[in-house]
Amino acid sequence: MGVRVGFVVVSHSLALGEAARSLAAEMVPGTEVPVEVAAGLDATTFGTDATAISDAVSAVAAAVEQVVVLMDLGSAVLSAELALELLDDVRERVLLCPAPLVEGLVVGVVAAAGGADAEHVVAEAARALDAKVEHLVPGGVASGDAGGAASAASGAAGAASGDFEVTPPTGLHARPVALLVAALSDLDARVRLVDLTTGAGPVPGDSPTAVAGLGAARGHRVRVLADGPHADQAVARVLGLAAGGFDASPSGRLHSVPDASRGGPATNLWSRGHPVLESDAAESGARATAAVEALARVWHPPAPSISAALGDEQAQWTHLESARATTRERITAVREQARDRLDDDAAAIFDAHLSLLEDSHLLQRAHEQIARGAARAWEQAVAGVQEQLAALPDPYLQARSADVRAVGDQVLRALADEPEPAPDLDGILVAVDVTPAQVVALGAGVVGVLLAGGSGVSHAAMLAEQRGLPWVAAAGSDVLDLDGHTVRLARGSWARVQP
């Protein structure tokens, strides 16, 4: 029996897609199994393109009866689904396969070379990790209570669950959530989380914003529910992270409890002639920031443009993919700058920002509205998630909404082909708010930050403190009239110095 099934490899990386195809071809020498690669936006830019995927599917469908599409992660799935919507003539002959990309392709090509149909190929590909799992995780999920912090149980075939207690002082915030999502990214399992303490959920475990939106604070009990071929592994990984306190911070500083006073409105404590006192360090390991007196410089960064829709839905989604790729490069550069100027703790903030670019919940919202244009679809998706996080009762978790807005604006600027704004000034920076990336980019001439809005427990505030900069948030709109005036500033307090 001849070959009945061909493959399309969908990856964010062209190099990865080509390498996977070459490896699979070596498994069946002398047998022609069609494999097309639709990967990357070009030879060096990460991303996926629905147009390229639909073209690849059409090419394979012209040569064989059925087509199996394998994808790496995140938006690759959405792009593949969009591509199928554009292929009415061959859609019924195409199956999207949930197997891991490399192992699934190798096993699938071998099965196809033997004449298997698409359903059999997908089933074999979905079991591609079984041998590795059996070798590396003998017996499946480890039993026991992990010191009383976590427990796990397997139910029906392909389903598992477990409970853990949230132990980080700041709850399941951006960095623990990013670690959790990353730990699940290579598994074929559908994971949901439920906050047993509040009843919130279930939410998808592959969405940083959805998990953060649980509002799971320290001491809450959370249940992990998983199904699929790797359900046991998924639960085991989450419980393992929980047992370690979700702590990937070398110093532990960024997981310590922030000074609650920094989250409330700023106070104007001084008038002319009163002494300026040094503030205390807010948290263990943080640098004390002395009060300063300098000229205030008001900065009004331009809002990102909402670019007009150009082209059909497919073109709009491709445009959004390209903008996300550009933003990924920009955030990666800032992460390395943060590592060089500060430390690994600071860089971890931008790992969390990178995870937001792959957030399934955010991408699904944008995908549902793509007919409105890439910019408007993305803006509406970001605004919806931001509102959900801002409504959480915990001030620290509320402040994570600023990270969503920061990344959201970066993508909007990339869509409009606009540069990232950065303050080029000396003295005390006065603004409505600033982002973590803008704090990293501040020049040495900036000696303090005074904000009309913002938060004292934001990631931007943490980075400012690491840089030794006094930081005042929620000071009110009057501070935006201080340009050119001398201001005294310490963390949590400020005063205009009368001439």
Protein backbone atom coordinates (compact mmCIF):
# COMPACT_ATOMS: atom_id res chain seq x y z
CA MET A 1 0.00 0.00 0.00
CA GLY A 2 1.34 3.40 -0.92
CA VAL A 3 1.71 6.51 1.19
CA ARG A 4 -1.69 8.03 1.96
CA VAL A 5 -0.72 10.77 4.44
CA GLY A 6 1.55 13.79 4.24
CA PHE A 7 2.55 16.37 6.84
CA VAL A 8 2.79 20.10 7.42
CA VAL A 9 5.20 21.30 10.11
CA VAL A 10 4.13 24.58 11.76
CA SER A 11 6.79 26.17 13.93
CA HIS A 12 7.79 29.62 15.12
CA SER A 13 11.30 28.87 13.86
CA LEU A 14 12.19 28.03 10.26
CA ALA A 15 15.43 26.37 11.40
CA LEU A 16 13.54 24.15 13.85
CA GLY A 17 10.95 23.18 11.25
CA GLU A 18 13.56 22.27 8.64
CA ALA A 19 15.60 20.30 11.18
CA ALA A 20 12.55 18.33 12.27
CA ARG A 21 11.77 17.48 8.64
CA SER A 22 15.35 16.32 8.00
CA LEU A 23 15.37 14.13 11.10
CA ALA A 24 12.07 12.50 10.16
CA ALA A 25 13.26 11.85 6.59
CA GLU A 26 16.22 9.86 7.92
CA MET A 27 13.80 7.45 9.60
CA VAL A 28 12.31 6.32 6.26
CA PRO A 29 15.12 6.27 3.68
CA GLY A 30 13.89 5.50 0.19
CA THR A 31 10.24 6.32 0.99
CA GLU A 32 8.74 9.59 -0.17
CA VAL A 33 6.45 10.96 2.56
CA PRO A 34 5.47 14.55 1.69
CA VAL A 35 6.46 17.00 4.43
CA GLU A 36 6.08 20.75 3.97
CA VAL A 37 7.40 23.33 6.43
CA ALA A 38 5.48 26.52 7.26
CA ALA A 39 7.66 28.11 9.89
CA GLY A 40 8.91 31.55 10.92
CA LEU A 41 8.04 34.84 9.32
CA ASP A 42 11.33 34.67 7.42
CA ALA A 43 14.66 32.90 7.80
CA THR A 44 15.51 34.65 11.09
CA THR A 45 12.25 36.06 12.54
CA PHE A 46 10.17 33.92 14.88
CA GLY A 47 6.43 33.69 14.18
CA THR A 48 3.78 31.79 12.24
CA ASP A 49 1.94 32.76 9.07
CA ALA A 50 -1.54 31.44 8.29
CA THR A 51 -1.01 32.12 4.58
CA ALA A 52 2.12 29.99 4.47
CA ILE A 53 0.34 27.22 6.38
CA SER A 54 -2.63 27.15 3.99
CA ASP A 55 -0.25 27.06 1.01
CA ALA A 56 1.68 24.18 2.56
CA VAL A 57 -1.51 22.23 3.29
CA SER A 58 -2.69 22.70 -0.30
CA ALA A 59 0.65 21.49 -1.64
CA VAL A 60 0.59 18.32 0.46
CA ALA A 61 -3.11 17.70 -0.24
CA ALA A 62 -2.35 17.71 -3.96
CA ALA A 63 0.00 14.77 -3.49
CA VAL A 64 -1.77 12.52 -0.95
CA GLU A 65 -5.23 11.66 0.38
CA GLN A 66 -4.88 13.17 3.87
CA VAL A 67 -2.79 15.82 5.64
CA VAL A 68 -1.62 15.85 9.26
CA VAL A 69 -0.50 19.20 10.70
CA LEU A 70 1.90 19.31 13.65
CA MET A 71 2.49 22.56 15.56
CA ASP A 72 4.98 23.67 18.17
CA LEU A 73 3.07 25.88 20.66
CA GLY A 74 0.86 28.84 21.38
CA SER A 75 -0.12 30.89 18.36
CA ALA A 76 1.00 28.15 15.98
CA VAL A 77 -2.24 26.37 16.87
CA LEU A 78 -4.34 29.47 16.23
CA SER A 79 -2.57 30.13 12.93
CA ALA A 80 -3.19 26.55 11.82
CA GLU A 81 -6.88 26.81 12.70
CA LEU A 82 -7.17 30.09 10.79
CA ALA A 83 -5.45 28.51 7.78
CA LEU A 84 -8.01 25.69 7.73
CA GLU A 85 -10.88 28.20 7.69
CA LEU A 86 -9.51 29.42 4.38
CA LEU A 87 -9.34 25.94 2.80
CA ASP A 88 -12.92 24.82 2.22
CA ASP A 89 -11.95 22.44 -0.57
CA VAL A 90 -9.54 20.28 1.45
CA ARG A 91 -10.51 20.99 5.07
CA GLU A 92 -12.16 17.59 5.59
CA ARG A 93 -8.93 15.85 4.59
CA VAL A 94 -6.81 17.65 7.22
CA LEU A 95 -6.21 16.74 10.87
CA LEU A 96 -4.48 18.96 13.42
CA CYS A 97 -2.32 16.75 15.62
CA PRO A 98 -1.69 17.61 19.33
CA ALA A 99 1.52 15.55 19.51
CA PRO A 100 4.90 17.13 20.35
CA LEU A 101 6.41 18.51 17.17
CA VAL A 102 9.69 16.60 16.76
CA GLU A 103 8.76 13.24 18.31
CA GLY A 104 5.30 13.35 16.74
CA LEU A 105 6.67 14.03 13.27
CA VAL A 106 9.26 11.25 13.47
CA VAL A 107 6.74 8.64 14.65
CA GLY A 108 4.05 9.93 12.29
CA VAL A 109 6.25 9.77 9.21
CA VAL A 110 7.23 6.19 10.04
CA ALA A 111 3.56 5.24 10.38
CA ALA A 112 2.65 7.03 7.15
CA ALA A 113 5.46 5.29 5.29
CA GLY A 114 3.80 2.00 6.21
CA GLY A 115 0.53 3.07 4.59
CA ALA A 116 -1.39 4.13 7.72
CA ASP A 117 -4.30 6.54 7.42
CA ALA A 118 -4.41 9.94 9.12
CA GLU A 119 -6.36 8.75 12.20
CA HIS A 120 -3.82 6.02 12.86
CA VAL A 121 -0.92 8.41 12.24
CA VAL A 122 -2.30 10.94 14.75
CA ALA A 123 -2.85 8.22 17.36
CA GLU A 124 0.72 6.96 16.96
CA ALA A 125 2.14 10.49 17.08
CA ALA A 126 0.20 11.24 20.28
CA ARG A 127 1.97 8.28 21.93
CA ALA A 128 5.39 9.44 20.76
CA LEU A 129 6.58 10.46 24.24
CA ASP A 130 5.47 7.29 26.01
CA ALA A 131 8.89 5.60 25.90
CA LYS A 132 10.65 8.71 27.19
CA VAL A 133 8.10 9.15 29.97
CA GLU A 134 8.41 5.53 31.04
CA HIS A 135 12.21 5.82 31.10
CA LEU A 136 12.47 9.17 32.90
CA VAL A 137 9.39 9.03 35.14
CA PRO A 138 9.09 5.42 36.30
CA GLY A 139 5.78 4.83 38.01
CA GLY A 140 4.29 8.14 36.86
CA VAL A 141 3.41 10.77 39.44
CA ALA A 142 5.39 10.46 42.62
CA SER A 143 3.19 9.56 45.57
CA GLY A 144 3.30 11.25 48.92
CA ASP A 145 2.44 14.61 50.35
CA ALA A 146 5.56 16.65 49.43
CA GLY A 147 5.93 17.89 52.97
CA GLY A 148 2.21 18.51 53.34
CA ALA A 149 2.22 21.15 50.60
CA ALA A 150 0.85 19.08 47.73
CA SER A 151 -0.97 15.88 46.90
CA ALA A 152 -1.84 14.13 43.64
CA ALA A 153 -4.20 11.45 42.42
CA SER A 154 -4.92 9.73 39.13
CA GLY A 155 -8.51 9.11 38.14
CA ALA A 156 -9.83 7.83 34.86
CA ALA A 157 -7.39 6.91 32.15
CA GLY A 158 -5.75 10.04 30.82
CA ALA A 159 -6.90 12.22 33.73
CA ALA A 160 -5.14 13.37 36.89
CA SER A 161 -5.53 15.93 39.64
CA GLY A 162 -3.68 17.32 42.62
CA ASP A 163 -3.89 20.04 45.25
CA PHE A 164 -1.29 22.46 46.55
CA GLU A 165 -1.07 25.39 48.90
CA VAL A 166 0.16 28.75 47.55
CA THR A 167 3.28 29.59 49.54
CA PRO A 168 4.95 32.60 47.81
CA PRO A 169 4.25 35.66 50.01
CA THR A 170 2.91 37.53 46.99
CA GLY A 171 0.69 34.70 45.75
CA LEU A 172 0.55 33.37 42.20
CA HIS A 173 1.85 36.52 40.54
CA ALA A 174 3.65 37.06 37.25
CA ARG A 175 6.89 35.12 37.71
CA PRO A 176 5.48 32.01 39.44
CA VAL A 177 2.75 31.92 36.80
CA ALA A 178 5.32 32.22 33.99
CA LEU A 179 7.26 29.30 35.51
CA LEU A 180 4.09 27.22 35.71
CA VAL A 181 3.10 27.89 32.09
CA ALA A 182 6.65 27.19 30.86
CA ALA A 183 6.74 23.89 32.75
CA LEU A 184 3.64 22.70 30.89
CA SER A 185 4.53 24.00 27.43
CA ASP A 186 6.01 20.76 26.04
CA LEU A 187 3.34 18.40 27.38
CA ASP A 188 0.30 17.04 25.57
CA ALA A 189 -2.19 17.76 28.34
CA ARG A 190 -5.07 20.14 28.98
CA VAL A 191 -4.53 21.69 32.40
CA ARG A 192 -6.98 23.75 34.44
CA LEU A 193 -6.58 25.37 37.85
CA VAL A 194 -9.24 26.04 40.48
CA ASP A 195 -8.80 28.18 43.60
CA LEU A 196 -10.49 25.99 46.23
CA THR A 197 -10.36 28.79 48.79
CA THR A 198 -12.42 31.26 46.76
CA GLY A 199 -14.08 28.97 44.21
CA ALA A 200 -12.56 30.91 41.31
CA GLY A 201 -11.88 28.97 38.12
CA PRO A 202 -11.33 26.68 36.43
CA VAL A 203 -8.88 28.57 34.21
CA PRO A 204 -6.53 27.20 31.51
CA GLY A 205 -3.05 26.45 32.78
CA ASP A 206 -1.40 27.61 29.54
CA SER A 207 -2.56 31.22 30.00
CA PRO A 208 -0.47 33.44 32.32
CA THR A 209 -3.21 36.06 32.49
CA ALA A 210 -5.95 33.54 33.25
CA VAL A 211 -3.90 31.90 36.03
CA ALA A 212 -2.96 35.28 37.50
CA GLY A 213 -6.63 36.22 37.26
CA LEU A 214 -7.47 33.52 39.81
CA GLY A 215 -6.14 35.92 42.44
CA ALA A 216 -4.65 32.99 44.37
CA ALA A 217 -3.00 34.59 47.40
CA ARG A 218 -0.67 33.04 49.95
CA GLY A 219 -2.37 30.28 51.89
CA HIS A 220 -5.00 29.53 49.24
CA ARG A 221 -5.52 25.93 48.20
CA VAL A 222 -5.41 25.34 44.44
CA ARG A 223 -6.50 22.22 42.56
CA VAL A 224 -4.77 21.15 39.34
CA LEU A 225 -6.93 19.22 36.87
CA ALA A 226 -5.35 17.63 33.80
CA ASP A 227 -6.38 15.29 31.02
CA GLY A 228 -4.60 13.96 27.97
CA PRO A 229 -1.66 11.63 27.34
CA HIS A 230 0.65 13.56 29.70
CA ALA A 231 -1.88 14.44 32.40
CA ASP A 232 0.09 12.74 35.20
CA GLN A 233 3.29 14.52 34.18
CA ALA A 234 1.53 17.87 34.04
CA VAL A 235 0.16 17.51 37.58
CA ALA A 236 3.52 16.27 38.85
CA ARG A 237 5.33 19.28 37.39
CA VAL A 238 2.91 21.78 38.91
CA LEU A 239 3.05 20.12 42.31
CA GLY A 240 6.84 20.03 42.10
CA LEU A 241 6.95 23.77 41.45
CA ALA A 242 4.53 24.34 44.31
CA ALA A 243 6.63 22.24 46.70
CA GLY A 244 9.59 24.50 45.89
CA GLY A 245 7.58 27.66 46.45
CA PHE A 246 7.66 28.56 42.73
CA ASP A 247 11.04 30.09 43.55
CA ALA A 248 13.31 30.65 40.53
CA SER A 249 14.71 33.80 42.12
CA PRO A 250 18.37 33.39 43.11
CA SER A 251 18.09 35.91 45.95
CA GLY A 252 14.44 35.42 46.83
CA ARG A 253 14.14 39.22 46.92
CA LEU A 254 11.48 39.51 44.26
CA HIS A 255 9.33 36.96 46.07
CA SER A 256 9.38 38.83 49.40
CA VAL A 257 6.41 40.80 50.66
CA PRO A 258 6.45 44.40 49.44
CA ASP A 259 5.96 47.31 51.83
CA ALA A 260 2.19 47.76 51.82
CA SER A 261 2.58 51.51 52.21
CA ARG A 262 4.00 51.74 48.72
CA GLY A 263 0.71 50.60 47.25
CA GLY A 264 -1.36 53.53 48.55
CA PRO A 265 -1.45 57.21 47.61
CA ALA A 266 1.72 59.24 47.99
CA THR A 267 1.93 61.91 50.68
CA ASN A 268 3.35 65.42 50.52
CA LEU A 269 5.19 65.58 53.84
CA TRP A 270 7.53 68.52 53.62
CA SER A 271 7.45 72.27 53.32
CA ARG A 272 10.40 74.61 52.96
CA GLY A 273 12.89 74.38 55.81
CA HIS A 274 11.98 70.86 56.96
CA PRO A 275 14.67 68.19 56.79
CA VAL A 276 14.66 65.50 54.15
CA LEU A 277 15.00 62.07 55.73
CA GLU A 278 16.27 58.86 54.22
CA SER A 279 13.66 56.18 53.66
CA ASP A 280 14.08 52.62 54.87
CA ALA A 281 14.64 49.69 52.55
CA ALA A 282 11.24 48.28 51.61
CA GLU A 283 12.16 44.63 51.70
CA SER A 284 14.94 42.24 52.51
CA GLY A 285 17.83 42.62 50.10
CA ALA A 286 16.57 45.88 48.59
CA ARG A 287 18.82 48.87 48.41
CA ALA A 288 17.99 51.81 50.67
CA THR A 289 17.09 54.90 48.64
CA ALA A 290 18.05 58.30 50.03
CA ALA A 291 15.79 61.29 49.61
CA VAL A 292 16.80 63.67 46.81
CA GLU A 293 16.16 67.25 45.74
CA ALA A 294 16.27 68.10 42.03
CA LEU A 295 14.39 69.71 39.15
CA ALA A 296 11.21 67.92 38.14
CA ARG A 297 10.94 66.99 34.46
CA VAL A 298 7.50 65.98 33.23
CA TRP A 299 7.41 63.31 30.54
CA HIS A 300 4.38 62.60 28.38
CA PRO A 301 5.14 59.56 26.18
CA PRO A 302 2.92 59.34 23.10
CA ALA A 303 0.17 56.74 23.26
CA PRO A 304 0.54 53.91 20.73
CA SER A 305 -1.41 54.38 17.54
CA ILE A 306 -4.32 52.12 16.69
CA SER A 307 -3.40 51.45 13.08
CA ALA A 308 -6.14 50.97 10.50
CA ALA A 309 -7.09 47.48 9.31
CA LEU A 310 -5.44 46.56 6.04
CA GLY A 311 -6.41 43.41 4.20
CA ASP A 312 -8.55 40.41 5.12
CA GLU A 313 -8.60 38.44 8.39
CA GLN A 314 -5.71 36.26 7.30
CA ALA A 315 -3.57 39.30 6.49
CA GLN A 316 -4.52 40.90 9.80
CA TRP A 317 -3.52 37.83 11.81
CA THR A 318 -0.21 37.63 9.96
CA HIS A 319 0.35 41.33 10.73
CA LEU A 320 -0.27 40.66 14.43
CA GLU A 321 2.10 37.69 14.38
CA SER A 322 4.82 39.88 12.86
CA ALA A 323 4.26 42.56 15.51
CA ARG A 324 4.50 39.98 18.27
CA ALA A 325 7.78 38.75 16.81
CA THR A 326 9.15 42.31 16.80
CA THR A 327 7.99 42.80 20.39
CA ARG A 328 9.61 39.53 21.40
CA GLU A 329 12.94 40.78 20.09
CA ARG A 330 12.55 44.10 21.92
CA ILE A 331 11.63 42.48 25.25
CA THR A 332 14.49 40.00 24.94
CA ALA A 333 16.94 42.89 24.45
CA VAL A 334 15.57 44.68 27.53
CA ARG A 335 15.81 41.46 29.54
CA GLU A 336 19.49 41.16 28.77
CA GLN A 337 19.99 44.85 29.58
CA ALA A 338 18.29 44.28 32.95
CA ARG A 339 20.53 41.30 33.60
CA ASP A 340 23.65 43.32 32.79
CA ARG A 341 22.66 46.45 34.73
CA LEU A 342 20.94 44.73 37.65
CA ASP A 343 20.70 40.95 38.09
CA ASP A 344 18.84 37.76 37.19
CA ASP A 345 15.92 38.72 39.43
CA ALA A 346 15.33 41.84 37.35
CA ALA A 347 15.65 39.86 34.11
CA ALA A 348 12.99 37.40 35.34
CA ILE A 349 10.39 40.17 35.15
CA PHE A 350 10.88 40.25 31.39
CA ASP A 351 10.64 36.46 31.14
CA ALA A 352 7.13 36.99 32.49
CA HIS A 353 6.54 39.65 29.83
CA LEU A 354 7.69 37.24 27.12
CA SER A 355 5.22 34.64 28.38
CA LEU A 356 2.39 37.15 27.91
CA LEU A 357 3.14 37.21 24.17
CA GLU A 358 2.25 33.50 24.01
CA ASP A 359 -0.77 33.72 26.33
CA SER A 360 -3.47 31.45 24.86
CA HIS A 361 -6.28 33.37 26.58
CA LEU A 362 -5.06 36.71 25.22
CA LEU A 363 -4.46 35.34 21.72
CA GLN A 364 -7.85 33.65 21.60
CA ARG A 365 -9.57 36.92 22.49
CA ALA A 366 -7.65 38.72 19.75
CA HIS A 367 -8.36 35.96 17.26
CA GLU A 368 -12.10 36.20 17.91
CA GLN A 369 -12.05 39.91 17.00
CA ILE A 370 -9.50 39.88 14.18
CA ALA A 371 -12.14 40.99 11.66
CA ARG A 372 -11.94 44.44 13.32
CA GLY A 373 -8.28 44.67 12.34
CA ALA A 374 -5.12 43.51 14.12
CA ALA A 375 -4.66 46.64 16.25
CA ARG A 376 -8.26 46.92 17.44
CA ALA A 377 -8.52 43.18 18.08
CA TRP A 378 -5.32 43.21 20.14
CA GLU A 379 -6.27 46.38 22.02
CA GLN A 380 -9.66 44.96 23.00
CA ALA A 381 -8.11 41.67 24.12
CA VAL A 382 -5.52 43.47 26.26
CA ALA A 383 -8.10 45.84 27.76
CA GLY A 384 -10.36 42.96 28.77
CA VAL A 385 -7.58 41.05 30.53
CA GLN A 386 -6.23 44.23 32.14
CA GLU A 387 -9.65 45.01 33.62
CA GLN A 388 -9.94 41.50 35.06
CA LEU A 389 -6.59 41.75 36.83
CA ALA A 390 -7.22 45.32 38.05
CA ALA A 391 -10.43 44.09 39.71
CA LEU A 392 -8.62 41.57 41.94
CA PRO A 393 -8.81 42.36 45.67
CA ASP A 394 -5.08 41.95 46.34
CA PRO A 395 -3.11 45.18 45.55
CA TYR A 396 -0.03 43.23 44.54
CA LEU A 397 -1.94 41.07 42.05
CA GLN A 398 -3.83 44.16 40.84
CA ALA A 399 -0.50 45.72 39.92
CA ARG A 400 0.17 42.89 37.46
CA SER A 401 -2.39 44.49 35.17
CA ALA A 402 0.29 47.08 34.40
CA ASP A 403 2.47 44.33 32.90
CA VAL A 404 -0.34 43.32 30.56
CA ARG A 405 -0.81 46.93 29.48
CA ALA A 406 2.95 47.42 29.01
CA VAL A 407 3.29 44.39 26.72
CA GLY A 408 0.02 45.25 25.00
CA ASP A 409 1.26 48.75 24.14
CA GLN A 410 4.55 47.34 22.86
CA VAL A 411 2.69 45.15 20.38
CA LEU A 412 0.49 48.08 19.31
CA ARG A 413 3.60 50.17 18.62
CA ALA A 414 5.09 47.31 16.61
CA LEU A 415 1.87 47.07 14.61
CA ALA A 416 2.09 50.80 13.84
CA ASP A 417 5.85 50.60 13.17
CA GLU A 418 6.53 53.06 16.00
CA PRO A 419 9.64 53.10 18.21
CA GLU A 420 9.51 52.44 21.94
CA PRO A 421 9.40 55.78 23.83
CA ALA A 422 12.13 56.34 26.41
CA PRO A 423 12.65 59.40 28.65
CA ASP A 424 15.79 61.37 27.78
CA LEU A 425 16.11 63.73 30.73
CA ASP A 426 17.89 64.46 34.01
CA GLY A 427 16.48 65.17 37.44
CA ILE A 428 13.26 63.77 38.89
CA LEU A 429 11.13 62.03 36.26
CA VAL A 430 7.44 62.98 36.57
CA ALA A 431 4.87 61.02 34.53
CA VAL A 432 1.46 59.41 34.74
CA ASP A 433 3.15 56.00 34.92
CA VAL A 434 6.20 54.19 33.55
CA THR A 435 6.79 50.59 32.50
CA PRO A 436 9.47 48.16 33.70
CA ALA A 437 11.28 48.50 30.35
CA GLN A 438 11.32 52.29 30.67
CA VAL A 439 12.80 52.06 34.19
CA VAL A 440 15.61 49.84 32.90
CA ALA A 441 16.30 52.39 30.13
CA LEU A 442 16.51 55.43 32.46
CA GLY A 443 19.78 57.32 32.15
CA ALA A 444 22.14 57.97 35.04
CA GLY A 445 20.91 61.56 35.27
CA VAL A 446 17.50 60.48 36.58
CA VAL A 447 17.60 60.60 40.40
CA GLY A 448 13.98 59.76 41.29
CA VAL A 449 10.51 58.97 39.94
CA LEU A 450 7.26 60.77 40.82
CA LEU A 451 4.05 59.37 39.30
CA ALA A 452 0.54 60.75 39.10
CA GLY A 453 -0.75 57.18 38.92
CA GLY A 454 0.99 53.84 39.01
CA SER A 455 1.57 51.58 41.98
CA GLY A 456 4.12 51.19 44.72
CA VAL A 457 4.10 47.41 44.29
CA SER A 458 4.50 47.27 40.50
CA HIS A 459 7.42 45.62 38.76
CA ALA A 460 8.54 49.08 37.65
CA ALA A 461 8.70 50.13 41.32
CA MET A 462 10.78 47.08 42.19
CA LEU A 463 13.24 47.83 39.40
CA ALA A 464 13.49 51.48 40.47
CA GLU A 465 14.33 50.39 43.98
CA GLN A 466 16.98 48.02 42.68
CA ARG A 467 18.46 51.01 40.86
CA GLY A 468 18.45 52.98 44.11
CA LEU A 469 15.85 55.49 42.88
CA PRO A 470 13.28 57.04 45.26
CA TRP A 471 9.82 56.15 43.91
CA VAL A 472 6.47 57.79 44.61
CA ALA A 473 3.27 56.49 43.01
CA ALA A 474 -0.40 57.59 43.03
CA ALA A 475 0.55 61.21 43.79
CA GLY A 476 -2.34 62.67 41.78
CA SER A 477 -2.52 64.69 38.58
CA ASP A 478 -1.24 67.91 40.20
CA VAL A 479 2.33 66.61 39.97
CA LEU A 480 2.10 66.87 36.18
CA ASP A 481 2.30 70.67 36.61
CA LEU A 482 5.69 70.54 38.36
CA ASP A 483 7.91 70.74 35.28
CA GLY A 484 10.91 72.96 36.03
CA HIS A 485 10.20 73.20 39.77
CA THR A 486 12.54 71.88 42.43
CA VAL A 487 11.10 68.85 44.21
CA ARG A 488 12.20 66.89 47.26
CA LEU A 489 11.52 63.21 46.90
CA ALA A 490 11.81 59.99 48.88
CA ARG A 491 9.96 56.74 48.53
CA GLY A 492 6.32 57.39 49.46
CA SER A 493 6.69 61.16 50.05
CA TRP A 494 7.36 64.30 48.04
CA ALA A 495 7.36 68.09 48.37
CA ARG A 496 7.70 71.05 46.07
CA VAL A 497 10.45 73.39 47.24
CA GLN A 498 9.14 76.96 47.17
CA PRO A 499 11.35 79.44 45.26
